[in-house]
Every structure is written in C-alpha cells, then in structure tokens.
Amino acid sequence: MLSAKRKMPSCRFYPLGGAKRQLAVLGLGGALVAGSLAGCSTTQDKAAAQRAESARILEAREKRQEKKRHEAKHDKEKG
C-alpha cells in the first residue's frame, strides 16, 4: 500500500542555522526600511519643490493681473 505522506524536498538553497537565518531576515528587513525611508524623503523633497514652484507661478500671475487691472484703470481715467 502506498503511503499518503510523501517526503517533500527542501525549498532552501543552502542551509542556515536559526541565528544566522534571523540575522539575515533582520538585515533584509532593515535594508528595505532604509530604502523606503530614503524614497520618502526624495518624494517629500520633490513635493516641496513643486509647491514652491506653484507658489512662484501664482505670485507671478497675481502680479500680472494686478498690473493689467492697474493699466486698465489708468486707461479709463485717461480716456
């Protein structure tokens, strides 16, 4: 009679001891966290730069509109 249980091959490529495996997992986790934090700061820097650029554009637009209103008012008074 054939046994229902089969011995499955190991999925590990090379054997690691318990402590070595834990250190490897902690190291990999730390590397992932450090990478994600570095990505966040870069994203935040880009967002801050974009907000600053938007503020400059809006200020320039406001100045142009104010100049246009002033010139229109000045032209009305002349003519």
C-alpha atoms as a PDB file:
ATOM      1  CA  MET A   1       0.000   0.000   0.000  1.00  0.00           C
ATOM      2  CA  LEU A   2       1.304   3.439  -0.899  1.00  0.00           C
ATOM      3  CA  SER A   3       1.729   5.912   1.856  1.00  0.00           C
ATOM      4  CA  ALA A   4      -0.288   9.122   1.651  1.00  0.00           C
ATOM      5  CA  LYS A   5       2.617  11.043   3.091  1.00  0.00           C
ATOM      6  CA  ARG A   6       5.444  11.950   0.781  1.00  0.00           C
ATOM      7  CA  LYS A   7       8.646  13.476   1.845  1.00  0.00           C
ATOM      8  CA  MET A   8       8.810  16.906   0.186  1.00  0.00           C
ATOM      9  CA  PRO A   9      12.168  18.264  -0.930  1.00  0.00           C
ATOM     10  CA  SER A  10      13.550  21.218   0.938  1.00  0.00           C
ATOM     11  CA  CYS A  11      12.960  24.633  -0.625  1.00  0.00           C
ATOM     12  CA  ARG A  12      16.130  26.109   0.817  1.00  0.00           C
ATOM     13  CA  PHE A  13      19.038  26.664  -1.479  1.00  0.00           C
ATOM     14  CA  TYR A  14      21.566  26.385   1.336  1.00  0.00           C
ATOM     15  CA  PRO A  15      21.058  25.542   4.973  1.00  0.00           C
ATOM     16  CA  LEU A  16      21.242  28.331   7.532  1.00  0.00           C
ATOM     17  CA  GLY A  17      21.263  27.966  11.272  1.00  0.00           C
ATOM     18  CA  GLY A  18      18.468  29.568  13.301  1.00  0.00           C
ATOM     19  CA  ALA A  19      20.527  32.534  14.457  1.00  0.00           C
ATOM     20  CA  LYS A  20      22.022  33.134  11.018  1.00  0.00           C
ATOM     21  CA  ARG A  21      18.576  32.993   9.437  1.00  0.00           C
ATOM     22  CA  GLN A  22      17.224  35.537  11.930  1.00  0.00           C
ATOM     23  CA  LEU A  23      20.138  37.875  11.280  1.00  0.00           C
ATOM     24  CA  ALA A  24      19.646  37.549   7.538  1.00  0.00           C
ATOM     25  CA  VAL A  25      15.935  38.347   7.839  1.00  0.00           C
ATOM     26  CA  LEU A  26      16.615  41.312  10.127  1.00  0.00           C
ATOM     27  CA  GLY A  27      19.289  42.619   7.756  1.00  0.00           C
ATOM     28  CA  LEU A  28      16.986  42.327   4.762  1.00  0.00           C
ATOM     29  CA  GLY A  29      14.150  44.000   6.663  1.00  0.00           C
ATOM     30  CA  GLY A  30      16.427  46.818   7.752  1.00  0.00           C
ATOM     31  CA  ALA A  31      17.611  47.341   4.187  1.00  0.00           C
ATOM     32  CA  LEU A  32      14.017  47.521   2.946  1.00  0.00           C
ATOM     33  CA  VAL A  33      13.037  50.027   5.634  1.00  0.00           C
ATOM     34  CA  ALA A  34      16.081  52.192   4.924  1.00  0.00           C
ATOM     35  CA  GLY A  35      15.311  52.129   1.210  1.00  0.00           C
ATOM     36  CA  SER A  36      11.689  53.087   1.730  1.00  0.00           C
ATOM     37  CA  LEU A  37      12.643  55.946   4.057  1.00  0.00           C
ATOM     38  CA  ALA A  38      15.138  57.238   1.527  1.00  0.00           C
ATOM     39  CA  GLY A  39      12.432  57.087  -1.138  1.00  0.00           C
ATOM     40  CA  CYS A  40      10.034  59.010   1.079  1.00  0.00           C
ATOM     41  CA  SER A  41      12.469  61.835   1.687  1.00  0.00           C
ATOM     42  CA  THR A  42      13.118  62.115  -2.030  1.00  0.00           C
ATOM     43  CA  THR A  43       9.389  62.209  -2.702  1.00  0.00           C
ATOM     44  CA  GLN A  44       8.919  64.832   0.003  1.00  0.00           C
ATOM     45  CA  ASP A  45      11.725  66.926  -1.474  1.00  0.00           C
ATOM     46  CA  LYS A  46      10.120  66.752  -4.906  1.00  0.00           C
ATOM     47  CA  ALA A  47       6.735  67.706  -3.470  1.00  0.00           C
ATOM     48  CA  ALA A  48       8.242  70.668  -1.605  1.00  0.00           C
ATOM     49  CA  ALA A  49       9.982  71.854  -4.760  1.00  0.00           C
ATOM     50  CA  GLN A  50       6.753  71.530  -6.710  1.00  0.00           C
ATOM     51  CA  ARG A  51       4.829  73.525  -4.072  1.00  0.00           C
ATOM     52  CA  ALA A  52       7.474  76.252  -4.175  1.00  0.00           C
ATOM     53  CA  GLU A  53       7.292  76.385  -7.965  1.00  0.00           C
ATOM     54  CA  SER A  54       3.490  76.582  -7.814  1.00  0.00           C
ATOM     55  CA  ALA A  55       3.702  79.433  -5.320  1.00  0.00           C
ATOM     56  CA  ARG A  56       6.107  81.330  -7.615  1.00  0.00           C
ATOM     57  CA  ILE A  57       3.771  80.800 -10.584  1.00  0.00           C
ATOM     58  CA  LEU A  58       0.744  82.016  -8.626  1.00  0.00           C
ATOM     59  CA  GLU A  59       2.620  85.083  -7.368  1.00  0.00           C
ATOM     60  CA  ALA A  60       3.738  85.982 -10.879  1.00  0.00           C
ATOM     61  CA  ARG A  61       0.176  85.508 -12.138  1.00  0.00           C
ATOM     62  CA  GLU A  62      -1.181  87.761  -9.387  1.00  0.00           C
ATOM     63  CA  LYS A  63       1.385  90.451 -10.271  1.00  0.00           C
ATOM     64  CA  ARG A  64       0.448  90.261 -13.958  1.00  0.00           C
ATOM     65  CA  GLN A  65      -3.252  90.533 -13.165  1.00  0.00           C
ATOM     66  CA  GLU A  66      -2.672  93.427 -10.770  1.00  0.00           C
ATOM     67  CA  LYS A  67      -0.604  95.227 -13.427  1.00  0.00           C
ATOM     68  CA  LYS A  68      -3.313  94.586 -16.011  1.00  0.00           C
ATOM     69  CA  ARG A  69      -6.018  95.937 -13.662  1.00  0.00           C
ATOM     70  CA  HIS A  70      -3.893  98.995 -12.870  1.00  0.00           C
ATOM     71  CA  GLU A  71      -3.272  99.704 -16.557  1.00  0.00           C
ATOM     72  CA  ALA A  72      -6.968  99.259 -17.374  1.00  0.00           C
ATOM     73  CA  LYS A  73      -7.945 101.643 -14.565  1.00  0.00           C
ATOM     74  CA  HIS A  74      -5.296 104.147 -15.695  1.00  0.00           C
ATOM     75  CA  ASP A  75      -6.523 103.939 -19.311  1.00  0.00           C
ATOM     76  CA  LYS A  76     -10.111 104.568 -18.189  1.00  0.00           C
ATOM     77  CA  GLU A  77      -9.092 107.693 -16.340  1.00  0.00           C
ATOM     78  CA  LYS A  78      -7.227 108.984 -19.406  1.00  0.00           C
ATOM     79  CA  GLY A  79      -9.868 108.350 -21.990  1.00  0.00           C
END
